[in-house]
């Protein structure tokens, strides 16, 4: 297998970020009154349903999630350094800081159910996921996202059909790479939902833990680049 077709540090980072996105969405949906903070397609649908049904609080939470995600993506795009690896490190650092604040708040007071703590939690979690969406772009593995998997699932199925049924060439390695990230996202949802029933403090720390490991990997990369 060529070097270009081997899993590497970038895949590990993307897997960790996919884990963080899934855990954050599960926490938000189950504990922050049914809102998504990374899956903006689903969140937009929730916003539309809430508006159509006249549920103003639910609509406000979905709108805050959308606004927070956009703000996070904008903030990540404004991080400019002399090379993409340092930009990625700084963006992951910002995301870690936001998730740390959320984790400490959830540990000290539990998951909020009333304003303004509820709205701030949704806004902060979505902002972290917006930053993460930019970080995934900086990692730059084609076709492997960390926050939206609908198009990825389509790509996996198309590749398998082209290779296995129609006999046409396709990148099975790319499909395996995408399937790995998708599997991690699904597994993280199961783990986080179970942890919320078992020990909420552990579940609350899962997104932060995953991003901190991704950040540690990136810091090692930048240190090696400076030493070279």
Protein backbone atom coordinates (compact mmCIF):
# COMPACT_ATOMS: atom_id res chain seq x y z
CA UNK A 1 0.00 0.00 0.00
CA UNK A 2 1.43 3.39 -0.97
CA UNK A 3 2.08 6.07 1.61
CA UNK A 4 -0.84 8.03 0.12
CA UNK A 5 -3.15 5.12 0.99
CA UNK A 6 -2.26 4.66 4.64
CA UNK A 7 -4.12 5.98 7.62
CA UNK A 8 -2.04 8.62 9.34
CA UNK A 9 -2.14 11.27 12.04
CA UNK A 10 -4.73 13.27 10.13
CA UNK A 11 -7.17 10.37 10.21
CA UNK A 12 -6.72 10.05 13.95
CA UNK A 13 -7.37 13.76 14.39
CA UNK A 14 -10.47 13.64 12.20
CA UNK A 15 -11.73 10.63 14.13
CA UNK A 16 -11.27 12.48 17.40
CA UNK A 17 -13.10 15.52 16.06
CA UNK A 18 -15.92 13.35 14.71
CA UNK A 19 -16.19 11.83 18.19
CA UNK A 20 -16.36 15.31 19.73
CA UNK A 21 -19.05 16.47 17.29
CA UNK A 22 -21.19 13.41 17.91
CA UNK A 23 -20.84 13.65 21.69
CA UNK A 24 -21.71 17.35 21.61
CA UNK A 25 -24.80 16.76 19.48
CA UNK A 26 -26.02 13.97 21.77
CA UNK A 27 -25.51 16.12 24.86
CA UNK A 28 -27.29 19.06 23.25
CA UNK A 29 -30.21 16.98 22.00
CA UNK A 30 -30.76 14.99 25.19
CA UNK A 31 -29.85 17.60 27.81
CA UNK A 32 -30.30 21.02 26.19
CA UNK A 33 -33.89 20.68 25.02
CA UNK A 34 -33.55 18.92 21.68
CA UNK A 35 -31.22 21.03 19.60
CA UNK A 36 -28.23 20.12 17.43
CA UNK A 37 -25.00 22.09 17.72
CA UNK A 38 -22.92 20.60 14.90
CA UNK A 39 -25.48 19.14 12.47
CA UNK A 40 -26.79 22.35 10.99
CA UNK A 41 -28.99 20.61 8.42
CA UNK A 42 -30.92 18.88 11.18
CA UNK A 43 -30.86 22.03 13.27
CA UNK A 44 -32.35 24.07 10.45
CA UNK A 45 -35.14 21.51 10.13
CA UNK A 46 -35.76 21.74 13.88
CA UNK A 47 -35.86 25.52 13.59
CA UNK A 48 -38.44 25.36 10.84
CA UNK A 49 -40.61 22.88 12.74
CA UNK A 50 -40.46 24.96 15.92
CA UNK A 51 -41.46 28.10 14.05
CA UNK A 52 -44.26 26.30 12.25
CA UNK A 53 -45.62 24.93 15.54
CA UNK A 54 -45.24 28.21 17.38
CA UNK A 55 -42.72 26.83 19.90
CA UNK A 56 -40.74 30.01 20.39
CA UNK A 57 -38.24 28.71 22.97
CA UNK A 58 -37.28 25.77 20.76
CA UNK A 59 -37.00 28.12 17.77
CA UNK A 60 -34.75 30.45 19.75
CA UNK A 61 -32.42 27.61 20.75
CA UNK A 62 -32.11 26.39 17.16
CA UNK A 63 -31.50 29.94 15.98
CA UNK A 64 -28.80 30.42 18.63
CA UNK A 65 -27.16 27.16 17.55
CA UNK A 66 -27.14 28.33 13.94
CA UNK A 67 -25.74 31.73 14.92
CA UNK A 68 -23.11 30.19 17.18
CA UNK A 69 -21.96 27.79 14.47
CA UNK A 70 -21.64 30.61 11.95
CA UNK A 71 -19.73 32.75 14.47
CA UNK A 72 -17.37 29.86 15.23
CA UNK A 73 -16.69 29.20 11.55
CA UNK A 74 -16.06 32.93 11.02
CA UNK A 75 -13.67 33.06 13.97
CA UNK A 76 -11.80 30.03 12.69
CA UNK A 77 -11.46 31.60 9.24
CA UNK A 78 -9.92 34.70 10.84
CA UNK A 79 -7.09 32.70 12.45
CA UNK A 80 -4.18 33.53 10.19
CA UNK A 81 -0.64 32.34 10.82
CA UNK A 82 2.40 31.74 8.65
CA UNK A 83 1.38 28.16 7.83
CA UNK A 84 -1.76 25.97 8.00
CA UNK A 85 -0.36 23.69 10.72
CA UNK A 86 -0.03 26.57 13.17
CA UNK A 87 -3.47 27.82 12.17
CA UNK A 88 -4.91 24.38 12.91
CA UNK A 89 -3.21 24.33 16.31
CA UNK A 90 -4.64 27.72 17.22
CA UNK A 91 -8.16 26.81 16.07
CA UNK A 92 -8.11 23.58 18.08
CA UNK A 93 -6.86 25.62 21.03
CA UNK A 94 -9.81 27.98 20.76
CA UNK A 95 -12.24 25.08 20.48
CA UNK A 96 -10.66 23.41 23.52
CA UNK A 97 -11.00 26.62 25.53
CA UNK A 98 -14.71 26.91 24.70
CA UNK A 99 -15.38 23.26 25.50
CA UNK A 100 -13.45 23.63 28.77
CA UNK A 101 -15.70 26.48 29.84
CA UNK A 102 -18.79 24.46 28.99
CA UNK A 103 -17.51 21.36 30.78
CA UNK A 104 -16.70 23.30 33.94
CA UNK A 105 -20.13 24.96 33.87
CA UNK A 106 -21.90 21.62 33.40
CA UNK A 107 -19.84 20.03 36.17
CA UNK A 108 -20.55 22.80 38.64
CA UNK A 109 -24.26 23.36 37.93
CA UNK A 110 -25.43 20.46 35.84
CA UNK A 111 -26.99 20.75 32.41
CA UNK A 112 -29.12 23.93 32.41
CA UNK A 113 -32.83 23.91 31.65
CA UNK A 114 -33.66 27.60 31.99
CA UNK A 115 -32.46 30.94 30.62
CA UNK A 116 -29.91 32.35 30.36
CA UNK A 117 -27.63 29.38 31.12
CA UNK A 118 -29.45 27.14 28.63
CA UNK A 119 -29.08 29.62 25.78
CA UNK A 120 -25.43 30.25 26.63
CA UNK A 121 -24.69 26.52 26.64
CA UNK A 122 -26.26 26.05 23.22
CA UNK A 123 -24.48 29.09 21.82
CA UNK A 124 -21.10 28.04 23.23
CA UNK A 125 -21.35 24.43 22.05
CA UNK A 126 -22.35 25.52 18.54
CA UNK A 127 -19.52 28.05 18.44
CA UNK A 128 -17.06 25.28 19.31
CA UNK A 129 -18.46 23.13 16.50
CA UNK A 130 -18.16 26.01 14.04
CA UNK A 131 -14.48 26.30 14.94
CA UNK A 132 -14.15 22.56 14.49
CA UNK A 133 -15.62 22.68 11.01
CA UNK A 134 -12.77 25.00 9.98
CA UNK A 135 -10.22 22.78 11.75
CA UNK A 136 -11.41 19.80 9.68
CA UNK A 137 -10.84 21.83 6.51
CA UNK A 138 -7.31 22.61 7.68
CA UNK A 139 -6.59 18.92 8.27
CA UNK A 140 -7.46 18.57 4.59
CA UNK A 141 -8.44 14.94 4.02
CA UNK A 142 -10.75 14.93 1.01
CA UNK A 143 -14.25 13.65 1.66
CA UNK A 144 -13.86 13.11 5.41
CA UNK A 145 -15.88 15.59 7.52
CA UNK A 146 -16.38 15.76 11.26
CA UNK A 147 -19.77 17.46 11.54
CA UNK A 148 -21.90 16.45 8.51
CA UNK A 149 -22.06 12.86 7.25
CA UNK A 150 -25.02 12.69 4.86
CA UNK A 151 -22.93 13.42 1.76
CA UNK A 152 -20.19 11.14 3.08
CA UNK A 153 -22.62 8.23 3.33
CA UNK A 154 -23.69 8.89 -0.26
CA UNK A 155 -20.06 8.88 -1.37
CA UNK A 156 -19.36 5.57 0.40
CA UNK A 157 -22.35 3.86 -1.21
CA UNK A 158 -21.55 5.23 -4.69
CA UNK A 159 -17.94 4.04 -4.48
CA UNK A 160 -18.95 0.55 -3.37
CA UNK A 161 -21.53 0.30 -6.15
CA UNK A 162 -19.09 1.52 -8.80
CA UNK A 163 -16.39 -0.94 -7.76
CA UNK A 164 -18.40 -3.98 -6.67
CA UNK A 165 -21.36 -3.97 -9.04
CA UNK A 166 -20.49 -1.94 -12.10
CA UNK A 167 -16.80 -2.91 -12.19
CA UNK A 168 -15.67 0.67 -12.53
CA UNK A 169 -12.52 1.93 -10.81
CA UNK A 170 -12.90 3.85 -7.58
CA UNK A 171 -10.99 4.67 -4.45
CA UNK A 172 -11.85 1.93 -1.97
CA UNK A 173 -9.31 3.42 0.40
CA UNK A 174 -11.18 6.72 0.36
CA UNK A 175 -14.44 4.88 1.07
CA UNK A 176 -12.83 3.00 3.97
CA UNK A 177 -11.48 6.27 5.32
CA UNK A 178 -14.92 7.87 5.18
CA UNK A 179 -16.56 4.80 6.68
CA UNK A 180 -14.12 4.91 9.60
CA UNK A 181 -15.05 8.50 10.44
CA UNK A 182 -18.75 7.68 10.05
CA UNK A 183 -18.37 4.67 12.35
CA UNK A 184 -16.59 6.74 14.98
CA UNK A 185 -19.38 9.33 14.86
CA UNK A 186 -22.02 6.61 15.34
CA UNK A 187 -20.07 4.87 18.12
CA UNK A 188 -19.57 8.15 19.95
CA UNK A 189 -23.33 8.74 19.92
CA UNK A 190 -23.92 5.36 21.56
CA UNK A 191 -21.17 5.89 24.13
CA UNK A 192 -22.30 9.41 25.03
CA UNK A 193 -25.96 8.45 25.38
CA UNK A 194 -24.98 5.56 27.65
CA UNK A 195 -22.65 7.76 29.69
CA UNK A 196 -25.41 10.32 30.23
CA UNK A 197 -27.46 7.63 31.95
CA UNK A 198 -24.52 6.29 33.93
CA UNK A 199 -22.50 9.35 34.95
CA UNK A 200 -23.28 12.77 33.50
CA UNK A 201 -19.95 14.31 34.51
CA UNK A 202 -18.09 11.75 32.40
CA UNK A 203 -20.38 12.37 29.42
CA UNK A 204 -19.95 16.14 29.75
CA UNK A 205 -16.16 15.79 29.47
CA UNK A 206 -16.11 13.54 26.39
CA UNK A 207 -16.07 16.30 23.71
CA UNK A 208 -13.31 18.19 25.52
CA UNK A 209 -11.21 15.06 26.00
CA UNK A 210 -11.37 14.17 22.31
CA UNK A 211 -10.42 17.67 21.14
CA UNK A 212 -7.57 17.92 23.67
CA UNK A 213 -6.01 14.76 22.25
CA UNK A 214 -6.35 16.17 18.72
CA UNK A 215 -4.73 19.40 19.94
CA UNK A 216 -1.86 17.49 21.57
CA UNK A 217 -1.19 15.71 18.28
CA UNK A 218 -1.17 19.03 16.44
CA UNK A 219 1.16 20.65 18.95
CA UNK A 220 3.60 17.79 18.40
CA UNK A 221 3.45 18.44 14.65
CA UNK A 222 4.19 22.14 15.04
CA UNK A 223 7.05 21.44 17.47
CA UNK A 224 8.66 19.07 14.98
CA UNK A 225 8.25 21.67 12.23
CA UNK A 226 9.99 24.32 14.35
CA UNK A 227 12.81 21.93 15.22
CA UNK A 228 13.41 20.96 11.60
